[in-house]
Structures are given as structure tokens and as C-alpha cells.
Amino acid sequence: MTAADDVNSVDPAAVSLTEAMLGYDILVDGTCVGAIEGVPGELEYLTVELHWENKGVGRAALNEFIELSRTEGCSEVSTNNATHPAMKHILETEGFERRSGEIGWVTEL
């Protein structure tokens, strides 16, 4: 049993990012539950552990990454790869658009 088994949704305020080897670890109340590969402004990959999926962690982590990118002075956040269907939905609802003529998504900050 994990802490994720006890919750149906995660308060976005409980989600934070901390620097890691290839980008950032995704934390929920201090527990690592996933990772973001990339640097501010360039999101390569976002993954959430299976037990934490469908609880709002991915969306909250993306928004933390967007805010981090804004704080670092980036004018946009982009991805350069195809995404999982669930991530595609999150990107669309968070204002990202498909990059014209390229693979990936982008949003202006």
C-alpha cells in the first residue's frame, strides 16, 4: 500500500519540483512520485508513478514547471516529442498548442 492509495486527488499546493539528474523530481508532500526531464522552457518528458496517476499530479507538476520557466525568464515552454494521450489532454487544457510543422507542443508565457 502506498500513500497514493489513501487519496483520490492531490492538492496542487502539495506538489513541488526539486532539481534532479536530468531535470526535476516531482514531489507530493516531500515524497518523490515522478520526474520531469528537461530544463526551464524545454519539457522533454513528464512521468508520474502508476499509483499517483489520475490524481492531478501531472497537471500540478506541469504548472509548477511553467511557473519555474517563467521565473527563469523563459518566454515559452515547449515540448519536442509526441506525448501520451493523457498528457496531450493536459497540454491542451493548459493552453498549449501543437507546434506548426513540428512534433511537440508550445505555450507562450
N, C-alpha and C. Protein backbone atom coordinates (compact mmCIF):
# COMPACT_ATOMS: atom_id res chain seq x y z
N MET A 1 0.84 -1.18 0.00
CA MET A 1 0.00 0.00 0.00
C MET A 1 0.88 1.24 0.00
N THR A 2 0.51 2.23 -0.80
CA THR A 2 1.25 3.48 -0.84
C THR A 2 0.36 4.60 -0.33
N ALA A 3 0.96 5.76 -0.08
CA ALA A 3 0.18 6.92 0.33
C ALA A 3 -0.85 7.27 -0.73
N ALA A 4 -0.55 6.97 -1.98
CA ALA A 4 -1.48 7.28 -3.07
C ALA A 4 -2.78 6.52 -2.94
N ASP A 5 -2.75 5.36 -2.30
CA ASP A 5 -3.96 4.56 -2.14
C ASP A 5 -4.98 5.25 -1.24
N ASP A 6 -4.51 6.21 -0.44
CA ASP A 6 -5.38 6.88 0.51
C ASP A 6 -6.01 8.17 -0.01
N VAL A 7 -5.67 8.59 -1.22
CA VAL A 7 -6.20 9.85 -1.76
C VAL A 7 -6.79 9.65 -3.15
N ASN A 8 -7.84 10.44 -3.43
CA ASN A 8 -8.45 10.40 -4.76
C ASN A 8 -7.90 11.51 -5.64
N SER A 9 -7.53 12.63 -5.03
CA SER A 9 -6.94 13.73 -5.78
C SER A 9 -5.94 14.44 -4.88
N VAL A 10 -4.96 15.04 -5.53
CA VAL A 10 -3.88 15.71 -4.82
C VAL A 10 -4.07 17.22 -4.91
N ASP A 11 -3.94 17.89 -3.79
CA ASP A 11 -3.99 19.35 -3.76
C ASP A 11 -2.77 19.87 -4.52
N PRO A 12 -2.97 20.70 -5.54
CA PRO A 12 -1.83 21.22 -6.30
C PRO A 12 -0.76 21.88 -5.43
N ALA A 13 -1.16 22.44 -4.28
CA ALA A 13 -0.20 23.07 -3.37
C ALA A 13 0.74 22.04 -2.74
N ALA A 14 0.35 20.76 -2.76
CA ALA A 14 1.20 19.71 -2.19
C ALA A 14 2.27 19.24 -3.16
N VAL A 15 2.19 19.68 -4.43
CA VAL A 15 3.12 19.24 -5.47
C VAL A 15 4.24 20.27 -5.62
N SER A 16 5.46 19.77 -5.63
CA SER A 16 6.62 20.65 -5.84
C SER A 16 7.64 19.93 -6.70
N LEU A 17 8.59 20.70 -7.20
CA LEU A 17 9.68 20.15 -8.01
C LEU A 17 11.00 20.40 -7.29
N THR A 18 11.90 19.45 -7.42
CA THR A 18 13.24 19.62 -6.89
C THR A 18 14.23 19.18 -7.96
N GLU A 19 15.35 19.87 -8.07
CA GLU A 19 16.32 19.55 -9.11
C GLU A 19 16.80 18.11 -8.97
N ALA A 20 16.99 17.48 -10.12
CA ALA A 20 17.44 16.09 -10.18
C ALA A 20 18.42 15.94 -11.34
N MET A 21 18.91 14.74 -11.57
CA MET A 21 19.94 14.47 -12.55
C MET A 21 19.59 14.98 -13.95
N LEU A 22 18.42 14.65 -14.45
CA LEU A 22 18.04 15.03 -15.83
C LEU A 22 16.98 16.11 -15.88
N GLY A 23 16.69 16.72 -14.75
CA GLY A 23 15.65 17.74 -14.70
C GLY A 23 15.16 17.95 -13.29
N TYR A 24 13.96 17.42 -13.02
CA TYR A 24 13.32 17.65 -11.73
C TYR A 24 12.57 16.42 -11.26
N ASP A 25 12.65 16.15 -9.96
CA ASP A 25 11.79 15.15 -9.35
C ASP A 25 10.48 15.83 -9.01
N ILE A 26 9.38 15.10 -9.14
CA ILE A 26 8.06 15.58 -8.76
C ILE A 26 7.78 15.04 -7.36
N LEU A 27 7.48 15.94 -6.43
CA LEU A 27 7.22 15.55 -5.05
C LEU A 27 5.78 15.86 -4.68
N VAL A 28 5.18 14.97 -3.90
CA VAL A 28 3.89 15.23 -3.26
C VAL A 28 4.15 15.15 -1.77
N ASP A 29 4.02 16.28 -1.10
CA ASP A 29 4.31 16.36 0.33
C ASP A 29 5.67 15.75 0.66
N GLY A 30 6.66 16.00 -0.20
CA GLY A 30 8.02 15.55 0.06
C GLY A 30 8.36 14.16 -0.45
N THR A 31 7.38 13.41 -0.94
CA THR A 31 7.61 12.06 -1.46
C THR A 31 7.75 12.12 -2.98
N CYS A 32 8.82 11.53 -3.51
CA CYS A 32 9.03 11.52 -4.95
C CYS A 32 8.02 10.58 -5.62
N VAL A 33 7.26 11.14 -6.58
CA VAL A 33 6.21 10.37 -7.25
C VAL A 33 6.34 10.40 -8.76
N GLY A 34 7.39 11.04 -9.27
CA GLY A 34 7.58 11.12 -10.70
C GLY A 34 8.75 12.01 -11.04
N ALA A 35 8.87 12.34 -12.32
CA ALA A 35 10.00 13.15 -12.77
C ALA A 35 9.66 13.93 -14.02
N ILE A 36 10.37 15.03 -14.18
CA ILE A 36 10.33 15.82 -15.40
C ILE A 36 11.74 15.86 -15.95
N GLU A 37 11.91 15.46 -17.20
CA GLU A 37 13.19 15.63 -17.87
C GLU A 37 13.11 16.92 -18.67
N GLY A 38 14.12 17.76 -18.53
CA GLY A 38 14.15 19.00 -19.27
C GLY A 38 14.77 20.12 -18.47
N VAL A 39 14.79 21.27 -19.07
CA VAL A 39 15.29 22.50 -18.45
C VAL A 39 14.18 23.54 -18.59
N PRO A 40 14.21 24.59 -17.78
CA PRO A 40 13.16 25.59 -17.89
C PRO A 40 12.95 26.03 -19.34
N GLY A 41 11.70 25.99 -19.77
CA GLY A 41 11.34 26.36 -21.13
C GLY A 41 11.30 25.20 -22.10
N GLU A 42 11.93 24.08 -21.75
CA GLU A 42 12.00 22.92 -22.65
C GLU A 42 11.67 21.63 -21.89
N LEU A 43 10.46 21.19 -22.01
CA LEU A 43 9.98 19.98 -21.36
C LEU A 43 10.22 18.80 -22.28
N GLU A 44 11.05 17.87 -21.86
CA GLU A 44 11.33 16.68 -22.67
C GLU A 44 10.35 15.55 -22.35
N TYR A 45 10.11 15.32 -21.06
CA TYR A 45 9.33 14.15 -20.66
C TYR A 45 8.80 14.37 -19.26
N LEU A 46 7.57 13.96 -19.01
CA LEU A 46 6.97 14.03 -17.69
C LEU A 46 6.38 12.67 -17.40
N THR A 47 6.72 12.11 -16.25
CA THR A 47 6.17 10.81 -15.87
C THR A 47 5.75 10.83 -14.41
N VAL A 48 4.66 10.13 -14.12
CA VAL A 48 4.14 10.01 -12.77
C VAL A 48 3.99 8.52 -12.47
N GLU A 49 4.40 8.10 -11.26
CA GLU A 49 4.27 6.70 -10.88
C GLU A 49 2.82 6.25 -10.99
N LEU A 50 2.65 5.00 -11.36
CA LEU A 50 1.33 4.42 -11.63
C LEU A 50 0.32 4.70 -10.51
N HIS A 51 0.70 4.50 -9.25
CA HIS A 51 -0.24 4.69 -8.13
C HIS A 51 -0.67 6.15 -7.97
N TRP A 52 0.07 7.08 -8.57
CA TRP A 52 -0.25 8.51 -8.43
C TRP A 52 -0.93 9.07 -9.67
N GLU A 53 -1.12 8.26 -10.71
CA GLU A 53 -1.79 8.74 -11.92
C GLU A 53 -3.27 9.03 -11.63
N ASN A 54 -3.84 9.93 -12.42
CA ASN A 54 -5.26 10.28 -12.34
C ASN A 54 -5.65 10.92 -11.01
N LYS A 55 -4.69 11.60 -10.38
CA LYS A 55 -4.96 12.28 -9.12
C LYS A 55 -4.59 13.76 -9.20
N GLY A 56 -4.25 14.23 -10.41
CA GLY A 56 -3.93 15.64 -10.59
C GLY A 56 -2.45 15.98 -10.45
N VAL A 57 -1.61 14.97 -10.23
CA VAL A 57 -0.18 15.22 -10.03
C VAL A 57 0.47 15.73 -11.31
N GLY A 58 0.18 15.11 -12.45
CA GLY A 58 0.79 15.52 -13.72
C GLY A 58 0.47 16.97 -14.06
N ARG A 59 -0.79 17.34 -13.92
CA ARG A 59 -1.21 18.72 -14.21
C ARG A 59 -0.53 19.70 -13.26
N ALA A 60 -0.52 19.38 -11.97
CA ALA A 60 0.11 20.27 -10.99
C ALA A 60 1.61 20.40 -11.25
N ALA A 61 2.26 19.29 -11.61
CA ALA A 61 3.69 19.32 -11.90
C ALA A 61 3.96 20.17 -13.15
N LEU A 62 3.12 20.02 -14.17
CA LEU A 62 3.28 20.84 -15.37
C LEU A 62 3.16 22.32 -15.02
N ASN A 63 2.18 22.67 -14.20
CA ASN A 63 2.01 24.07 -13.82
C ASN A 63 3.19 24.58 -12.98
N GLU A 64 3.75 23.73 -12.14
CA GLU A 64 4.96 24.11 -11.40
C GLU A 64 6.12 24.36 -12.36
N PHE A 65 6.23 23.51 -13.39
CA PHE A 65 7.29 23.66 -14.38
C PHE A 65 7.10 24.94 -15.19
N ILE A 66 5.87 25.26 -15.53
CA ILE A 66 5.58 26.50 -16.25
C ILE A 66 5.98 27.70 -15.40
N GLU A 67 5.62 27.68 -14.12
CA GLU A 67 5.96 28.79 -13.23
C GLU A 67 7.48 28.90 -13.05
N LEU A 68 8.15 27.77 -12.94
CA LEU A 68 9.62 27.77 -12.85
C LEU A 68 10.23 28.38 -14.11
N SER A 69 9.70 28.02 -15.26
CA SER A 69 10.18 28.55 -16.53
C SER A 69 9.98 30.06 -16.60
N ARG A 70 8.82 30.52 -16.15
CA ARG A 70 8.53 31.96 -16.12
C ARG A 70 9.52 32.67 -15.20
N THR A 71 9.75 32.12 -14.03
CA THR A 71 10.68 32.70 -13.05
C THR A 71 12.10 32.78 -13.61
N GLU A 72 12.47 31.80 -14.43
CA GLU A 72 13.81 31.77 -15.04
C GLU A 72 13.91 32.68 -16.26
N GLY A 73 12.82 33.37 -16.60
CA GLY A 73 12.86 34.33 -17.70
C GLY A 73 12.54 33.78 -19.07
N CYS A 74 12.01 32.57 -19.13
CA CYS A 74 11.65 31.98 -20.43
C CYS A 74 10.40 32.66 -20.99
N SER A 75 10.32 32.78 -22.30
CA SER A 75 9.15 33.39 -22.94
C SER A 75 8.14 32.35 -23.39
N GLU A 76 8.54 31.07 -23.37
CA GLU A 76 7.63 29.99 -23.75
C GLU A 76 8.10 28.69 -23.11
N VAL A 77 7.20 27.73 -23.11
CA VAL A 77 7.53 26.35 -22.72
C VAL A 77 7.15 25.49 -23.91
N SER A 78 8.07 24.63 -24.33
CA SER A 78 7.79 23.76 -25.46
C SER A 78 8.18 22.32 -25.15
N THR A 79 7.56 21.42 -25.90
CA THR A 79 7.96 20.01 -25.89
C THR A 79 8.44 19.72 -27.30
N ASN A 80 9.29 18.74 -27.46
CA ASN A 80 9.75 18.41 -28.81
C ASN A 80 9.51 16.95 -29.13
N ASN A 81 8.49 16.38 -28.50
CA ASN A 81 8.21 14.98 -28.77
C ASN A 81 6.72 14.70 -28.72
N ALA A 82 6.36 13.54 -29.16
CA ALA A 82 4.98 13.10 -29.07
C ALA A 82 4.68 12.81 -27.60
N THR A 83 3.43 12.92 -27.22
CA THR A 83 3.08 12.72 -25.82
C THR A 83 2.03 11.64 -25.68
N HIS A 84 1.94 11.10 -24.48
CA HIS A 84 0.93 10.13 -24.11
C HIS A 84 -0.44 10.82 -24.25
N PRO A 85 -1.50 10.10 -24.64
CA PRO A 85 -2.81 10.73 -24.80
C PRO A 85 -3.27 11.52 -23.57
N ALA A 86 -3.00 11.02 -22.38
CA ALA A 86 -3.40 11.74 -21.17
C ALA A 86 -2.65 13.06 -21.06
N MET A 87 -1.38 13.06 -21.42
CA MET A 87 -0.59 14.28 -21.36
C MET A 87 -1.06 15.25 -22.43
N LYS A 88 -1.44 14.74 -23.58
CA LYS A 88 -1.96 15.59 -24.65
C LYS A 88 -3.17 16.38 -24.15
N HIS A 89 -4.05 15.71 -23.44
CA HIS A 89 -5.24 16.37 -22.88
C HIS A 89 -4.83 17.46 -21.90
N ILE A 90 -3.88 17.18 -21.03
CA ILE A 90 -3.43 18.18 -20.06
C ILE A 90 -2.81 19.38 -20.78
N LEU A 91 -1.95 19.11 -21.76
CA LEU A 91 -1.33 20.21 -22.51
C LEU A 91 -2.38 21.09 -23.16
N GLU A 92 -3.36 20.47 -23.81
CA GLU A 92 -4.42 21.24 -24.48
C GLU A 92 -5.20 22.10 -23.50
N THR A 93 -5.57 21.53 -22.37
CA THR A 93 -6.38 22.28 -21.40
C THR A 93 -5.57 23.31 -20.63
N GLU A 94 -4.25 23.23 -20.67
CA GLU A 94 -3.40 24.22 -20.02
C GLU A 94 -2.89 25.27 -21.01
N GLY A 95 -3.47 25.30 -22.21
CA GLY A 95 -3.17 26.36 -23.16
C GLY A 95 -2.05 26.09 -24.15
N PHE A 96 -1.53 24.89 -24.19
CA PHE A 96 -0.50 24.55 -25.17
C PHE A 96 -1.15 24.32 -26.53
N GLU A 97 -0.40 24.59 -27.58
CA GLU A 97 -0.84 24.33 -28.94
C GLU A 97 0.21 23.48 -29.63
N ARG A 98 -0.25 22.69 -30.61
CA ARG A 98 0.69 21.90 -31.41
C ARG A 98 1.65 22.85 -32.10
N ARG A 99 2.93 22.48 -32.16
CA ARG A 99 3.92 23.27 -32.88
C ARG A 99 3.67 23.09 -34.37
N SER A 100 3.52 24.17 -35.09
CA SER A 100 3.22 24.07 -36.52
C SER A 100 4.42 23.52 -37.28
N GLY A 101 4.17 22.48 -38.05
CA GLY A 101 5.21 21.88 -38.87
C GLY A 101 6.23 21.05 -38.11
N GLU A 102 6.04 20.88 -36.80
CA GLU A 102 7.00 20.13 -35.99
C GLU A 102 6.24 19.21 -35.04
N ILE A 103 6.96 18.28 -34.47
CA ILE A 103 6.38 17.43 -33.42
C ILE A 103 6.51 18.20 -32.11
N GLY A 104 5.48 18.14 -31.29
CA GLY A 104 5.56 18.76 -29.97
C GLY A 104 4.51 19.84 -29.77
N TRP A 105 4.59 20.50 -28.64
CA TRP A 105 3.62 21.47 -28.19
C TRP A 105 4.36 22.70 -27.69
N VAL A 106 3.66 23.85 -27.64
CA VAL A 106 4.26 25.08 -27.15
C VAL A 106 3.19 25.98 -26.54
N THR A 107 3.57 26.74 -25.52
CA THR A 107 2.73 27.78 -24.96
C THR A 107 3.59 28.98 -24.64
N GLU A 108 3.08 30.16 -24.90
CA GLU A 108 3.79 31.39 -24.56
C GLU A 108 3.52 31.74 -23.11
N LEU A 109 4.51 32.32 -22.47
CA LEU A 109 4.35 32.72 -21.07
C LEU A 109 4.08 34.19 -20.95
